[in-house]
Amino acid sequence: MFDILAILIPFFLAACIVVVVRIVVEARLRRRLAETHATEDLVHSLAAADHEFRRQSSLRWGLVLVAMGLGFGAIDLFGLDAKDPAAFGLLFAAAGVGSLAYHFARRRPPA
């Protein structure tokens, strides 16, 4: 268990750094738009695109995390250990299946 945590901690740290950088960049963009007196249509279109991106991002991460949870369940079901390469392969496959599920869910036209 501690082996997996030692591997995952740098990834989560990198993800946190990316999120902080993104928040700062978005705040600077909004401030710049306010300073340049951008047209109302431009601001509304950017806000609508940002809202749609966040909604789709939630769908993607939800599908990927559900698939990863199923992958962890399969690891436990098959009795694999953290040192087994099959455990890592199963997790990568689960993440891929989650991403593919998002792709097919995104391609379907909204009802």
PDB file of N, CA and C in Angstrom:
ATOM      1  N   MET A   1       0.825  -1.199   0.000  1.00  0.00           N
ATOM      2  CA  MET A   1       0.000   0.000   0.000  1.00  0.00           C
ATOM      3  C   MET A   1       0.860   1.249   0.000  1.00  0.00           C
ATOM      4  N   PHE A   2       1.933   1.242   0.780  1.00  0.00           N
ATOM      5  CA  PHE A   2       2.785   2.420   0.863  1.00  0.00           C
ATOM      6  C   PHE A   2       3.557   2.637  -0.434  1.00  0.00           C
ATOM      7  N   ASP A   3       3.812   1.557  -1.181  1.00  0.00           N
ATOM      8  CA  ASP A   3       4.484   1.688  -2.465  1.00  0.00           C
ATOM      9  C   ASP A   3       3.632   2.483  -3.441  1.00  0.00           C
ATOM     10  N   ILE A   4       2.343   2.200  -3.460  1.00  0.00           N
ATOM     11  CA  ILE A   4       1.444   2.912  -4.359  1.00  0.00           C
ATOM     12  C   ILE A   4       1.348   4.377  -3.948  1.00  0.00           C
ATOM     13  N   LEU A   5       1.265   4.647  -2.657  1.00  0.00           N
ATOM     14  CA  LEU A   5       1.203   6.032  -2.196  1.00  0.00           C
ATOM     15  C   LEU A   5       2.467   6.795  -2.567  1.00  0.00           C
ATOM     16  N   ALA A   6       3.621   6.158  -2.444  1.00  0.00           N
ATOM     17  CA  ALA A   6       4.872   6.820  -2.805  1.00  0.00           C
ATOM     18  C   ALA A   6       4.926   7.134  -4.287  1.00  0.00           C
ATOM     19  N   ILE A   7       4.275   6.338  -5.090  1.00  0.00           N
ATOM     20  CA  ILE A   7       4.236   6.602  -6.532  1.00  0.00           C
ATOM     21  C   ILE A   7       3.212   7.677  -6.867  1.00  0.00           C
ATOM     22  N   LEU A   8       2.073   7.671  -6.196  1.00  0.00           N
ATOM     23  CA  LEU A   8       0.984   8.584  -6.544  1.00  0.00           C
ATOM     24  C   LEU A   8       1.166  10.006  -6.015  1.00  0.00           C
ATOM     25  N   ILE A   9       1.904  10.179  -4.928  1.00  0.00           N
ATOM     26  CA  ILE A   9       2.057  11.510  -4.336  1.00  0.00           C
ATOM     27  C   ILE A   9       2.651  12.520  -5.317  1.00  0.00           C
ATOM     28  N   PRO A  10       3.713  12.217  -6.055  1.00  0.00           N
ATOM     29  CA  PRO A  10       4.219  13.216  -7.019  1.00  0.00           C
ATOM     30  C   PRO A  10       3.212  13.564  -8.116  1.00  0.00           C
ATOM     31  N   PHE A  11       2.414  12.599  -8.538  1.00  0.00           N
ATOM     32  CA  PHE A  11       1.405  12.894  -9.551  1.00  0.00           C
ATOM     33  C   PHE A  11       0.342  13.847  -9.018  1.00  0.00           C
ATOM     34  N   PHE A  12      -0.107  13.624  -7.797  1.00  0.00           N
ATOM     35  CA  PHE A  12      -1.093  14.520  -7.214  1.00  0.00           C
ATOM     36  C   PHE A  12      -0.500  15.910  -6.957  1.00  0.00           C
ATOM     37  N   LEU A  13       0.753  15.971  -6.579  1.00  0.00           N
ATOM     38  CA  LEU A  13       1.415  17.259  -6.393  1.00  0.00           C
ATOM     39  C   LEU A  13       1.493  18.015  -7.714  1.00  0.00           C
ATOM     40  N   ALA A  14       1.847  17.321  -8.781  1.00  0.00           N
ATOM     41  CA  ALA A  14       1.911  17.959 -10.100  1.00  0.00           C
ATOM     42  C   ALA A  14       0.527  18.438 -10.533  1.00  0.00           C
ATOM     43  N   ALA A  15      -0.506  17.641 -10.266  1.00  0.00           N
ATOM     44  CA  ALA A  15      -1.870  18.042 -10.623  1.00  0.00           C
ATOM     45  C   ALA A  15      -2.290  19.289  -9.846  1.00  0.00           C
ATOM     46  N   CYS A  16      -1.928  19.372  -8.583  1.00  0.00           N
ATOM     47  CA  CYS A  16      -2.258  20.560  -7.786  1.00  0.00           C
ATOM     48  C   CYS A  16      -1.547  21.798  -8.333  1.00  0.00           C
ATOM     49  N   ILE A  17      -0.307  21.654  -8.737  1.00  0.00           N
ATOM     50  CA  ILE A  17       0.435  22.778  -9.309  1.00  0.00           C
ATOM     51  C   ILE A  17      -0.224  23.234 -10.605  1.00  0.00           C
ATOM     52  N   VAL A  18      -0.658  22.298 -11.437  1.00  0.00           N
ATOM     53  CA  VAL A  18      -1.331  22.653 -12.690  1.00  0.00           C
ATOM     54  C   VAL A  18      -2.629  23.405 -12.413  1.00  0.00           C
ATOM     55  N   VAL A  19      -3.386  22.961 -11.428  1.00  0.00           N
ATOM     56  CA  VAL A  19      -4.646  23.625 -11.094  1.00  0.00           C
ATOM     57  C   VAL A  19      -4.392  25.049 -10.616  1.00  0.00           C
ATOM     58  N   VAL A  20      -3.394  25.244  -9.784  1.00  0.00           N
ATOM     59  CA  VAL A  20      -3.087  26.590  -9.281  1.00  0.00           C
ATOM     60  C   VAL A  20      -2.649  27.507 -10.424  1.00  0.00           C
ATOM     61  N   VAL A  21      -1.810  27.007 -11.313  1.00  0.00           N
ATOM     62  CA  VAL A  21      -1.366  27.818 -12.451  1.00  0.00           C
ATOM     63  C   VAL A  21      -2.555  28.176 -13.333  1.00  0.00           C
ATOM     64  N   ARG A  22      -3.445  27.241 -13.551  1.00  0.00           N
ATOM     65  CA  ARG A  22      -4.616  27.518 -14.387  1.00  0.00           C
ATOM     66  C   ARG A  22      -5.513  28.580 -13.753  1.00  0.00           C
ATOM     67  N   ILE A  23      -5.719  28.511 -12.456  1.00  0.00           N
ATOM     68  CA  ILE A  23      -6.546  29.507 -11.773  1.00  0.00           C
ATOM     69  C   ILE A  23      -5.932  30.890 -11.916  1.00  0.00           C
ATOM     70  N   VAL A  24      -4.619  30.987 -11.748  1.00  0.00           N
ATOM     71  CA  VAL A  24      -3.942  32.280 -11.868  1.00  0.00           C
ATOM     72  C   VAL A  24      -4.052  32.820 -13.291  1.00  0.00           C
ATOM     73  N   VAL A  25      -3.866  31.974 -14.281  1.00  0.00           N
ATOM     74  CA  VAL A  25      -3.946  32.422 -15.675  1.00  0.00           C
ATOM     75  C   VAL A  25      -5.359  32.876 -16.019  1.00  0.00           C
ATOM     76  N   GLU A  26      -6.360  32.146 -15.573  1.00  0.00           N
ATOM     77  CA  GLU A  26      -7.745  32.543 -15.839  1.00  0.00           C
ATOM     78  C   GLU A  26      -8.080  33.874 -15.162  1.00  0.00           C
ATOM     79  N   ALA A  27      -7.592  34.079 -13.965  1.00  0.00           N
ATOM     80  CA  ALA A  27      -7.842  35.349 -13.267  1.00  0.00           C
ATOM     81  C   ALA A  27      -7.180  36.509 -14.013  1.00  0.00           C
ATOM     82  N   ARG A  28      -5.972  36.300 -14.509  1.00  0.00           N
ATOM     83  CA  ARG A  28      -5.301  37.351 -15.279  1.00  0.00           C
ATOM     84  C   ARG A  28      -6.042  37.647 -16.573  1.00  0.00           C
ATOM     85  N   LEU A  29      -6.577  36.619 -17.222  1.00  0.00           N
ATOM     86  CA  LEU A  29      -7.339  36.825 -18.449  1.00  0.00           C
ATOM     87  C   LEU A  29      -8.599  37.628 -18.181  1.00  0.00           C
ATOM     88  N   ARG A  30      -9.298  37.301 -17.117  1.00  0.00           N
ATOM     89  CA  ARG A  30     -10.517  38.059 -16.771  1.00  0.00           C
ATOM     90  C   ARG A  30     -10.188  39.511 -16.441  1.00  0.00           C
ATOM     91  N   ARG A  31      -9.096  39.723 -15.710  1.00  0.00           N
ATOM     92  CA  ARG A  31      -8.707  41.096 -15.394  1.00  0.00           C
ATOM     93  C   ARG A  31      -8.343  41.865 -16.660  1.00  0.00           C
ATOM     94  N   ARG A  32      -7.630  41.189 -17.566  1.00  0.00           N
ATOM     95  CA  ARG A  32      -7.239  41.837 -18.817  1.00  0.00           C
ATOM     96  C   ARG A  32      -8.469  42.189 -19.656  1.00  0.00           C
ATOM     97  N   LEU A  33      -9.458  41.317 -19.675  1.00  0.00           N
ATOM     98  CA  LEU A  33     -10.693  41.610 -20.407  1.00  0.00           C
ATOM     99  C   LEU A  33     -11.420  42.809 -19.798  1.00  0.00           C
ATOM    100  N   ALA A  34     -11.412  42.892 -18.478  1.00  0.00           N
ATOM    101  CA  ALA A  34     -12.060  44.025 -17.821  1.00  0.00           C
ATOM    102  C   ALA A  34     -11.302  45.322 -18.104  1.00  0.00           C
ATOM    103  N   GLU A  35      -9.970  45.254 -18.166  1.00  0.00           N
ATOM    104  CA  GLU A  35      -9.176  46.461 -18.421  1.00  0.00           C
ATOM    105  C   GLU A  35      -9.322  46.960 -19.855  1.00  0.00           C
ATOM    106  N   THR A  36      -9.482  46.050 -20.800  1.00  0.00           N
ATOM    107  CA  THR A  36      -9.556  46.445 -22.210  1.00  0.00           C
ATOM    108  C   THR A  36     -10.973  46.764 -22.642  1.00  0.00           C
ATOM    109  N   HIS A  37     -11.927  46.667 -21.751  1.00  0.00           N
ATOM    110  CA  HIS A  37     -13.329  46.955 -22.042  1.00  0.00           C
ATOM    111  C   HIS A  37     -13.803  46.128 -23.236  1.00  0.00           C
ATOM    112  N   ALA A  38     -13.679  44.821 -23.111  1.00  0.00           N
ATOM    113  CA  ALA A  38     -14.105  43.897 -24.157  1.00  0.00           C
ATOM    114  C   ALA A  38     -15.612  43.989 -24.349  1.00  0.00           C
ATOM    115  N   THR A  39     -16.062  43.660 -25.541  1.00  0.00           N
ATOM    116  CA  THR A  39     -17.490  43.722 -25.826  1.00  0.00           C
ATOM    117  C   THR A  39     -18.242  42.705 -24.980  1.00  0.00           C
ATOM    118  N   GLU A  40     -19.495  43.015 -24.749  1.00  0.00           N
ATOM    119  CA  GLU A  40     -20.318  42.154 -23.908  1.00  0.00           C
ATOM    120  C   GLU A  40     -20.521  40.792 -24.562  1.00  0.00           C
ATOM    121  N   ASP A  41     -20.650  40.764 -25.885  1.00  0.00           N
ATOM    122  CA  ASP A  41     -20.820  39.487 -26.590  1.00  0.00           C
ATOM    123  C   ASP A  41     -19.591  38.596 -26.418  1.00  0.00           C
ATOM    124  N   LEU A  42     -18.403  39.194 -26.479  1.00  0.00           N
ATOM    125  CA  LEU A  42     -17.175  38.422 -26.306  1.00  0.00           C
ATOM    126  C   LEU A  42     -17.092  37.831 -24.904  1.00  0.00           C
ATOM    127  N   VAL A  43     -17.423  38.622 -23.916  1.00  0.00           N
ATOM    128  CA  VAL A  43     -17.383  38.152 -22.526  1.00  0.00           C
ATOM    129  C   VAL A  43     -18.395  37.031 -22.314  1.00  0.00           C
ATOM    130  N   HIS A  44     -19.613  37.193 -22.875  1.00  0.00           N
ATOM    131  CA  HIS A  44     -20.631  36.151 -22.729  1.00  0.00           C
ATOM    132  C   HIS A  44     -20.230  34.867 -23.456  1.00  0.00           C
ATOM    133  N   SER A  45     -19.651  34.995 -24.643  1.00  0.00           N
ATOM    134  CA  SER A  45     -19.246  33.790 -25.373  1.00  0.00           C
ATOM    135  C   SER A  45     -18.100  33.074 -24.652  1.00  0.00           C
ATOM    136  N   LEU A  46     -17.163  33.834 -24.083  1.00  0.00           N
ATOM    137  CA  LEU A  46     -16.082  33.212 -23.317  1.00  0.00           C
ATOM    138  C   LEU A  46     -16.613  32.531 -22.055  1.00  0.00           C
ATOM    139  N   ALA A  47     -17.559  33.174 -21.389  1.00  0.00           N
ATOM    140  CA  ALA A  47     -18.145  32.577 -20.184  1.00  0.00           C
ATOM    141  C   ALA A  47     -18.928  31.310 -20.527  1.00  0.00           C
ATOM    142  N   ALA A  48     -19.661  31.335 -21.644  1.00  0.00           N
ATOM    143  CA  ALA A  48     -20.430  30.151 -22.048  1.00  0.00           C
ATOM    144  C   ALA A  48     -19.490  29.009 -22.431  1.00  0.00           C
ATOM    145  N   ALA A  49     -18.411  29.322 -23.146  1.00  0.00           N
ATOM    146  CA  ALA A  49     -17.448  28.285 -23.529  1.00  0.00           C
ATOM    147  C   ALA A  49     -16.763  27.709 -22.291  1.00  0.00           C
ATOM    148  N   ASP A  50     -16.433  28.566 -21.329  1.00  0.00           N
ATOM    149  CA  ASP A  50     -15.806  28.097 -20.091  1.00  0.00           C
ATOM    150  C   ASP A  50     -16.759  27.195 -19.301  1.00  0.00           C
ATOM    151  N   HIS A  51     -18.027  27.581 -19.262  1.00  0.00           N
ATOM    152  CA  HIS A  51     -19.020  26.771 -18.549  1.00  0.00           C
ATOM    153  C   HIS A  51     -19.162  25.399 -19.214  1.00  0.00           C
ATOM    154  N   GLU A  52     -19.227  25.371 -20.540  1.00  0.00           N
ATOM    155  CA  GLU A  52     -19.359  24.095 -21.252  1.00  0.00           C
ATOM    156  C   GLU A  52     -18.117  23.227 -21.046  1.00  0.00           C
ATOM    157  N   PHE A  53     -16.940  23.857 -21.059  1.00  0.00           N
ATOM    158  CA  PHE A  53     -15.706  23.106 -20.834  1.00  0.00           C
ATOM    159  C   PHE A  53     -15.683  22.491 -19.444  1.00  0.00           C
ATOM    160  N   ARG A  54     -16.096  23.239 -18.441  1.00  0.00           N
ATOM    161  CA  ARG A  54     -16.124  22.716 -17.068  1.00  0.00           C
ATOM    162  C   ARG A  54     -17.130  21.577 -16.928  1.00  0.00           C
ATOM    163  N   ARG A  55     -18.271  21.708 -17.597  1.00  0.00           N
ATOM    164  CA  ARG A  55     -19.291  20.657 -17.536  1.00  0.00           C
ATOM    165  C   ARG A  55     -18.769  19.379 -18.186  1.00  0.00           C
ATOM    166  N   GLN A  56     -18.134  19.507 -19.334  1.00  0.00           N
ATOM    167  CA  GLN A  56     -17.596  18.343 -20.022  1.00  0.00           C
ATOM    168  C   GLN A  56     -16.407  17.755 -19.252  1.00  0.00           C
ATOM    169  N   SER A  57     -15.634  18.605 -18.614  1.00  0.00           N
ATOM    170  CA  SER A  57     -14.506  18.127 -17.817  1.00  0.00           C
ATOM    171  C   SER A  57     -14.998  17.290 -16.647  1.00  0.00           C
ATOM    172  N   SER A  58     -16.085  17.707 -16.032  1.00  0.00           N
ATOM    173  CA  SER A  58     -16.651  16.927 -14.934  1.00  0.00           C
ATOM    174  C   SER A  58     -17.122  15.561 -15.414  1.00  0.00           C
ATOM    175  N   LEU A  59     -17.728  15.535 -16.600  1.00  0.00           N
ATOM    176  CA  LEU A  59     -18.164  14.258 -17.157  1.00  0.00           C
ATOM    177  C   LEU A  59     -16.971  13.348 -17.415  1.00  0.00           C
ATOM    178  N   ARG A  60     -15.920  13.907 -17.999  1.00  0.00           N
ATOM    179  CA  ARG A  60     -14.754  13.087 -18.313  1.00  0.00           C
ATOM    180  C   ARG A  60     -14.121  12.517 -17.046  1.00  0.00           C
ATOM    181  N   TRP A  61     -13.865  13.378 -16.054  1.00  0.00           N
ATOM    182  CA  TRP A  61     -13.218  12.894 -14.847  1.00  0.00           C
ATOM    183  C   TRP A  61     -14.118  11.936 -14.084  1.00  0.00           C
ATOM    184  N   GLY A  62     -15.417  12.156 -14.139  1.00  0.00           N
ATOM    185  CA  GLY A  62     -16.324  11.221 -13.488  1.00  0.00           C
ATOM    186  C   GLY A  62     -16.239   9.844 -14.113  1.00  0.00           C
ATOM    187  N   LEU A  63     -16.241   9.781 -15.437  1.00  0.00           N
ATOM    188  CA  LEU A  63     -16.145   8.488 -16.118  1.00  0.00           C
ATOM    189  C   LEU A  63     -14.793   7.822 -15.868  1.00  0.00           C
ATOM    190  N   VAL A  64     -13.719   8.600 -15.932  1.00  0.00           N
ATOM    191  CA  VAL A  64     -12.387   8.029 -15.718  1.00  0.00           C
ATOM    192  C   VAL A  64     -12.250   7.516 -14.283  1.00  0.00           C
ATOM    193  N   LEU A  65     -12.725   8.271 -13.310  1.00  0.00           N
ATOM    194  CA  LEU A  65     -12.593   7.837 -11.923  1.00  0.00           C
ATOM    195  C   LEU A  65     -13.462   6.630 -11.610  1.00  0.00           C
ATOM    196  N   VAL A  66     -14.640   6.548 -12.206  1.00  0.00           N
ATOM    197  CA  VAL A  66     -15.468   5.354 -12.019  1.00  0.00           C
ATOM    198  C   VAL A  66     -14.756   4.137 -12.611  1.00  0.00           C
ATOM    199  N   ALA A  67     -14.184   4.302 -13.799  1.00  0.00           N
ATOM    200  CA  ALA A  67     -13.454   3.193 -14.419  1.00  0.00           C
ATOM    201  C   ALA A  67     -12.243   2.804 -13.572  1.00  0.00           C
ATOM    202  N   MET A  68     -11.545   3.787 -13.010  1.00  0.00           N
ATOM    203  CA  MET A  68     -10.399   3.478 -12.147  1.00  0.00           C
ATOM    204  C   MET A  68     -10.861   2.744 -10.886  1.00  0.00           C
ATOM    205  N   GLY A  69     -11.985   3.142 -10.337  1.00  0.00           N
ATOM    206  CA  GLY A  69     -12.529   2.439  -9.179  1.00  0.00           C
ATOM    207  C   GLY A  69     -12.844   0.991  -9.506  1.00  0.00           C
ATOM    208  N   LEU A  70     -13.414   0.763 -10.694  1.00  0.00           N
ATOM    209  CA  LEU A  70     -13.667  -0.611 -11.127  1.00  0.00           C
ATOM    210  C   LEU A  70     -12.355  -1.366 -11.319  1.00  0.00           C
ATOM    211  N   GLY A  71     -11.325  -0.657 -11.800  1.00  0.00           N
ATOM    212  CA  GLY A  71     -10.007  -1.282 -11.947  1.00  0.00           C
ATOM    213  C   GLY A  71      -9.424  -1.698 -10.606  1.00  0.00           C
ATOM    214  N   PHE A  72      -9.554  -0.839  -9.611  1.00  0.00           N
ATOM    215  CA  PHE A  72      -9.083  -1.197  -8.267  1.00  0.00           C
ATOM    216  C   PHE A  72      -9.883  -2.373  -7.710  1.00  0.00           C
ATOM    217  N   GLY A  73     -11.185  -2.381  -7.988  1.00  0.00           N
ATOM    218  CA  GLY A  73     -11.996  -3.517  -7.560  1.00  0.00           C
ATOM    219  C   GLY A  73     -11.553  -4.807  -8.229  1.00  0.00           C
ATOM    220  N   ALA A  74     -11.201  -4.732  -9.511  1.00  0.00           N
ATOM    221  CA  ALA A  74     -10.722  -5.917 -10.225  1.00  0.00           C
ATOM    222  C   ALA A  74      -9.374  -6.379  -9.671  1.00  0.00           C
ATOM    223  N   ILE A  75      -8.528  -5.430  -9.304  1.00  0.00           N
ATOM    224  CA  ILE A  75      -7.233  -5.795  -8.693  1.00  0.00           C
ATOM    225  C   ILE A  75      -7.464  -6.576  -7.406  1.00  0.00           C
ATOM    226  N   ASP A  76      -8.392  -6.105  -6.595  1.00  0.00           N
ATOM    227  CA  ASP A  76      -8.701  -6.812  -5.350  1.00  0.00           C
ATOM    228  C   ASP A  76      -9.338  -8.161  -5.642  1.00  0.00           C
ATOM    229  N   LEU A  77     -10.217  -8.208  -6.626  1.00  0.00           N
ATOM    230  CA  LEU A  77     -10.900  -9.453  -6.983  1.00  0.00           C
ATOM    231  C   LEU A  77      -9.919 -10.521  -7.453  1.00  0.00           C
ATOM    232  N   PHE A  78      -8.920 -10.107  -8.248  1.00  0.00           N
ATOM    233  CA  PHE A  78      -7.937 -11.058  -8.759  1.00  0.00           C
ATOM    234  C   PHE A  78      -6.798 -11.320  -7.777  1.00  0.00           C
ATOM    235  N   GLY A  79      -6.784 -10.601  -6.655  1.00  0.00           N
ATOM    236  CA  GLY A  79      -5.765 -10.812  -5.640  1.00  0.00           C
ATOM    237  C   GLY A  79      -4.380 -10.337  -6.064  1.00  0.00           C
ATOM    238  N   LEU A  80      -4.326  -9.293  -6.877  1.00  0.00           N
ATOM    239  CA  LEU A  80      -3.039  -8.776  -7.329  1.00  0.00           C
ATOM    240  C   LEU A  80      -2.411  -7.908  -6.255  1.00  0.00           C
ATOM    241  N   ASP A  81      -1.097  -7.751  -6.330  1.00  0.00           N
ATOM    242  CA  ASP A  81      -0.344  -6.962  -5.364  1.00  0.00           C
ATOM    243  C   ASP A  81       0.211  -5.726  -6.064  1.00  0.00           C
ATOM    244  N   ALA A  82       0.729  -4.784  -5.286  1.00  0.00           N
ATOM    245  CA  ALA A  82       1.292  -3.559  -5.856  1.00  0.00           C
ATOM    246  C   ALA A  82       2.541  -3.843  -6.682  1.00  0.00           C
ATOM    247  N   LYS A  83       3.153  -4.974  -6.468  1.00  0.00           N
ATOM    248  CA  LYS A  83       4.374  -5.308  -7.198  1.00  0.00           C
ATOM    249  C   LYS A  83       4.078  -6.052  -8.507  1.00  0.00           C
ATOM    250  N   ASP A  84       2.837  -6.411  -8.720  1.00  0.00           N
ATOM    251  CA  ASP A  84       2.469  -7.120  -9.946  1.00  0.00           C
ATOM    252  C   ASP A  84       2.302  -6.129 -11.096  1.00  0.00           C
ATOM    253  N   PRO A  85       2.977  -6.364 -12.210  1.00  0.00           N
ATOM    254  CA  PRO A  85       2.804  -5.479 -13.373  1.00  0.00           C
ATOM    255  C   PRO A  85       1.374  -5.491 -13.902  1.00  0.00           C
ATOM    256  N   ALA A  86       0.681  -6.589 -13.708  1.00  0.00           N
ATOM    257  CA  ALA A  86      -0.705  -6.675 -14.178  1.00  0.00           C
ATOM    258  C   ALA A  86      -1.599  -5.661 -13.466  1.00  0.00           C
ATOM    259  N   ALA A  87      -1.273  -5.339 -12.224  1.00  0.00           N
ATOM    260  CA  ALA A  87      -2.074  -4.354 -11.486  1.00  0.00           C
ATOM    261  C   ALA A  87      -1.968  -2.988 -12.156  1.00  0.00           C
ATOM    262  N   PHE A  88      -0.759  -2.603 -12.542  1.00  0.00           N
ATOM    263  CA  PHE A  88      -0.584  -1.322 -13.223  1.00  0.00           C
ATOM    264  C   PHE A  88      -1.239  -1.341 -14.602  1.00  0.00           C
ATOM    265  N   GLY A  89      -1.096  -2.454 -15.297  1.00  0.00           N
ATOM    266  CA  GLY A  89      -1.736  -2.578 -16.604  1.00  0.00           C
ATOM    267  C   GLY A  89      -3.243  -2.479 -16.505  1.00  0.00           C
ATOM    268  N   LEU A  90      -3.802  -3.070 -15.462  1.00  0.00           N
ATOM    269  CA  LEU A  90      -5.242  -3.007 -15.266  1.00  0.00           C
ATOM    270  C   LEU A  90      -5.703  -1.584 -14.977  1.00  0.00           C
ATOM    271  N   LEU A  91      -4.924  -0.843 -14.198  1.00  0.00           N
ATOM    272  CA  LEU A  91      -5.284   0.545 -13.913  1.00  0.00           C
ATOM    273  C   LEU A  91      -5.178   1.417 -15.161  1.00  0.00           C
ATOM    274  N   PHE A  92      -4.120   1.228 -15.952  1.00  0.00           N
ATOM    275  CA  PHE A  92      -3.990   2.001 -17.190  1.00  0.00           C
ATOM    276  C   PHE A  92      -5.115   1.657 -18.164  1.00  0.00           C
ATOM    277  N   ALA A  93      -5.469   0.384 -18.230  1.00  0.00           N
ATOM    278  CA  ALA A  93      -6.573  -0.034 -19.100  1.00  0.00           C
ATOM    279  C   ALA A  93      -7.891   0.579 -18.635  1.00  0.00           C
ATOM    280  N   ALA A  94      -8.097   0.630 -17.328  1.00  0.00           N
ATOM    281  CA  ALA A  94      -9.325   1.222 -16.790  1.00  0.00           C
ATOM    282  C   ALA A  94      -9.386   2.706 -17.127  1.00  0.00           C
ATOM    283  N   ALA A  95      -8.257   3.412 -17.004  1.00  0.00           N
ATOM    284  CA  ALA A  95      -8.236   4.838 -17.360  1.00  0.00           C
ATOM    285  C   ALA A  95      -8.518   5.016 -18.848  1.00  0.00           C
ATOM    286  N   GLY A  96      -7.980   4.144 -19.672  1.00  0.00           N
ATOM    287  CA  GLY A  96      -8.243   4.215 -21.106  1.00  0.00           C
ATOM    288  C   GLY A  96      -9.693   3.951 -21.435  1.00  0.00           C
ATOM    289  N   VAL A  97     -10.284   2.978 -20.767  1.00  0.00           N
ATOM    290  CA  VAL A  97     -11.698   2.676 -20.995  1.00  0.00           C
ATOM    291  C   VAL A  97     -12.562   3.864 -20.566  1.00  0.00           C
ATOM    292  N   GLY A  98     -12.213   4.507 -19.452  1.00  0.00           N
ATOM    293  CA  GLY A  98     -12.954   5.689 -19.011  1.00  0.00           C
ATOM    294  C   GLY A  98     -12.850   6.825 -20.011  1.00  0.00           C
ATOM    295  N   SER A  99     -11.664   7.024 -20.570  1.00  0.00           N
ATOM    296  CA  SER A  99     -11.486   8.072 -21.582  1.00  0.00           C
ATOM    297  C   SER A  99     -12.258   7.742 -22.857  1.00  0.00           C
ATOM    298  N   LEU A 100     -12.248   6.485 -23.250  1.00  0.00           N
ATOM    299  CA  LEU A 100     -13.025   6.089 -24.434  1.00  0.00           C
ATOM    300  C   LEU A 100     -14.525   6.247 -24.189  1.00  0.00           C
ATOM    301  N   ALA A 101     -14.974   5.925 -22.985  1.00  0.00           N
ATOM    302  CA  ALA A 101     -16.389   6.121 -22.655  1.00  0.00           C
ATOM    303  C   ALA A 101     -16.756   7.593 -22.749  1.00  0.00           C
ATOM    304  N   TYR A 102     -15.873   8.475 -22.288  1.00  0.00           N
ATOM    305  CA  TYR A 102     -16.118   9.913 -22.419  1.00  0.00           C
ATOM    306  C   TYR A 102     -16.185  10.307 -23.882  1.00  0.00           C
ATOM    307  N   HIS A 103     -15.264   9.775 -24.695  1.00  0.00           N
ATOM    308  CA  HIS A 103     -15.244  10.117 -26.118  1.00  0.00           C
ATOM    309  C   HIS A 103     -16.560   9.734 -26.786  1.00  0.00           C
ATOM    310  N   PHE A 104     -17.046   8.529 -26.505  1.00  0.00           N
ATOM    311  CA  PHE A 104     -18.295   8.094 -27.125  1.00  0.00           C
ATOM    312  C   PHE A 104     -19.497   8.836 -26.546  1.00  0.00           C
ATOM    313  N   ALA A 105     -19.453   9.193 -25.271  1.00  0.00           N
ATOM    314  CA  ALA A 105     -20.541   9.976 -24.680  1.00  0.00           C
ATOM    315  C   ALA A 105     -20.556  11.389 -25.258  1.00  0.00           C
ATOM    316  N   ARG A 106     -19.399  11.918 -25.557  1.00  0.00           N
ATOM    317  CA  ARG A 106     -19.284  13.272 -26.113  1.00  0.00           C
ATOM    318  C   ARG A 106     -19.738  13.311 -27.564  1.00  0.00           C
ATOM    319  N   ARG A 107     -19.487  12.247 -28.316  1.00  0.00           N
ATOM    320  CA  ARG A 107     -19.854  12.207 -29.723  1.00  0.00           C
ATOM    321  C   ARG A 107     -21.355  12.106 -29.919  1.00  0.00           C
ATOM    322  N   ARG A 108     -22.043  11.491 -28.943  1.00  0.00           N
ATOM    323  CA  ARG A 108     -23.493  11.332 -29.067  1.00  0.00           C
ATOM    324  C   ARG A 108     -24.158  12.702 -29.044  1.00  0.00           C
ATOM    325  N   PRO A 109     -25.025  12.985 -30.016  1.00  0.00           N
ATOM    326  CA  PRO A 109     -25.685  14.295 -30.020  1.00  0.00           C
ATOM    327  C   PRO A 109     -26.605  14.442 -28.818  1.00  0.00           C
ATOM    328  N   PRO A 110     -26.657  15.645 -28.223  1.00  0.00           N
ATOM    329  CA  PRO A 110     -27.519  15.841 -27.045  1.00  0.00           C
ATOM    330  C   PRO A 110     -28.975  15.680 -27.412  1.00  0.00           C
ATOM    331  N   ALA A 111     -29.738  15.116 -26.497  1.00  0.00           N
ATOM    332  CA  ALA A 111     -31.169  14.870 -26.750  1.00  0.00           C
ATOM    333  C   ALA A 111     -31.990  16.093 -26.462  1.00  0.00           C
TER     334      ALA A 111
END
